[in-house]
Amino acid sequence: MPLTRADAVRRLAVALDLSEREEILRMARLLRDRVGVAKVGLEAFVSHGPSLVSEVRAVGVPVFLDLKLHDIPNTVERAARAAARLGVSLLTVHASGGAAMLRAAVAGAAAAAPAPAVIAVTVLTSLDDAALADLGIAGGAAGRATAWAALARDAGCAGVVCSAREAASLRAAMGPGFLLVTPGVRPAGGEAGDQRRVATPRDAVAAGADVLVVGRPITAAPDPGAAADAILADMCLA
C-alpha cells in the first residue's frame, strides 16, 4: 500500500551534517514540517556540543543523535546515559563493538524516560565488499549486516542502520517491529558522493526501510524544501 505524505514525512530523517550553528538551525526550521527527525552527527555535535541538541529540539524537530559510539562497555554505557538525558529520540552505536557493549548502551539509554531507541550501525554505506575484504572482514556487506543485526537484536537494540540493499533480507530475518534505518539514499540520477551502497527513496521504502536518512541531496540543494518534497513524493510511489 503506498505511503501517504504524512507517513513519508514521519519516516524521513534529514542529516544536518553542517558546521555552522545558524545554518543547522535554519535548515531545521525550514524542514521541520517535511521530516520526522533531524540527524545531528559528529561534525555538528563536536562543533557545538550538547546545547545544539536542545536548540534543534526547540525548533520542534525530534533529534537522532548519530555518534556511533564504539568503546569499552563502561564508557559506552556512561556516554549513552548522558546522550539519553539530552532528550534525543534515536542514538547510534557500532554493532562491531560486541554484545556486551551493545547491552551496556541499551542500559545507559534506559536512564532517560522516555529512553531513546538505540540503533546499531552494521556496515557503513561508504564500504562495499572489496573494502570489507581489505579490512579482513569476511562474508561481504550482506552477510556481515545480517550477523551484526542479529547480535544487536539479541542485545536489546531497537534496530540497526543498514543500506537499502540489505533492508529486504534483514526485514525477512528480523521480522516486523525491528527498526531499519537506511542512509545512502539518493534521488534517481543523483550523485553517490562518498557512498558506495545507495538506493533511491522509492527503492528503500519498497525494501522495507523504516527511516530514510537523506543529507546533501536536501541540505546542499538550491531549494532544500523543494528537494525534500521531491524525496517525499518518491517515497509515496513505493
Foldseek 3Di string as FASTA:
>chain_A
DFDDLVQLQLQEEEELQDQDLVLSQVVLLLCVVLHQAYEDEDNNCVRPNLVSQVSSVVSPHAYAYEDQAADPQVVLLQVLLVVLVSVHAEYEHALVNFLSNLLSSVNSQVNDVVGHAYAHEFDDQLDWQVNCVVVVHPDIQLGRSQVSQVSNVVSPGQAYEHALVNLQVNCVVVDPRRAYEHEQEDDVVDDSPSGDRHYHLCSSVVSPHRHYYHYCQQSVDPHNVVSSVVSSVSSSVD
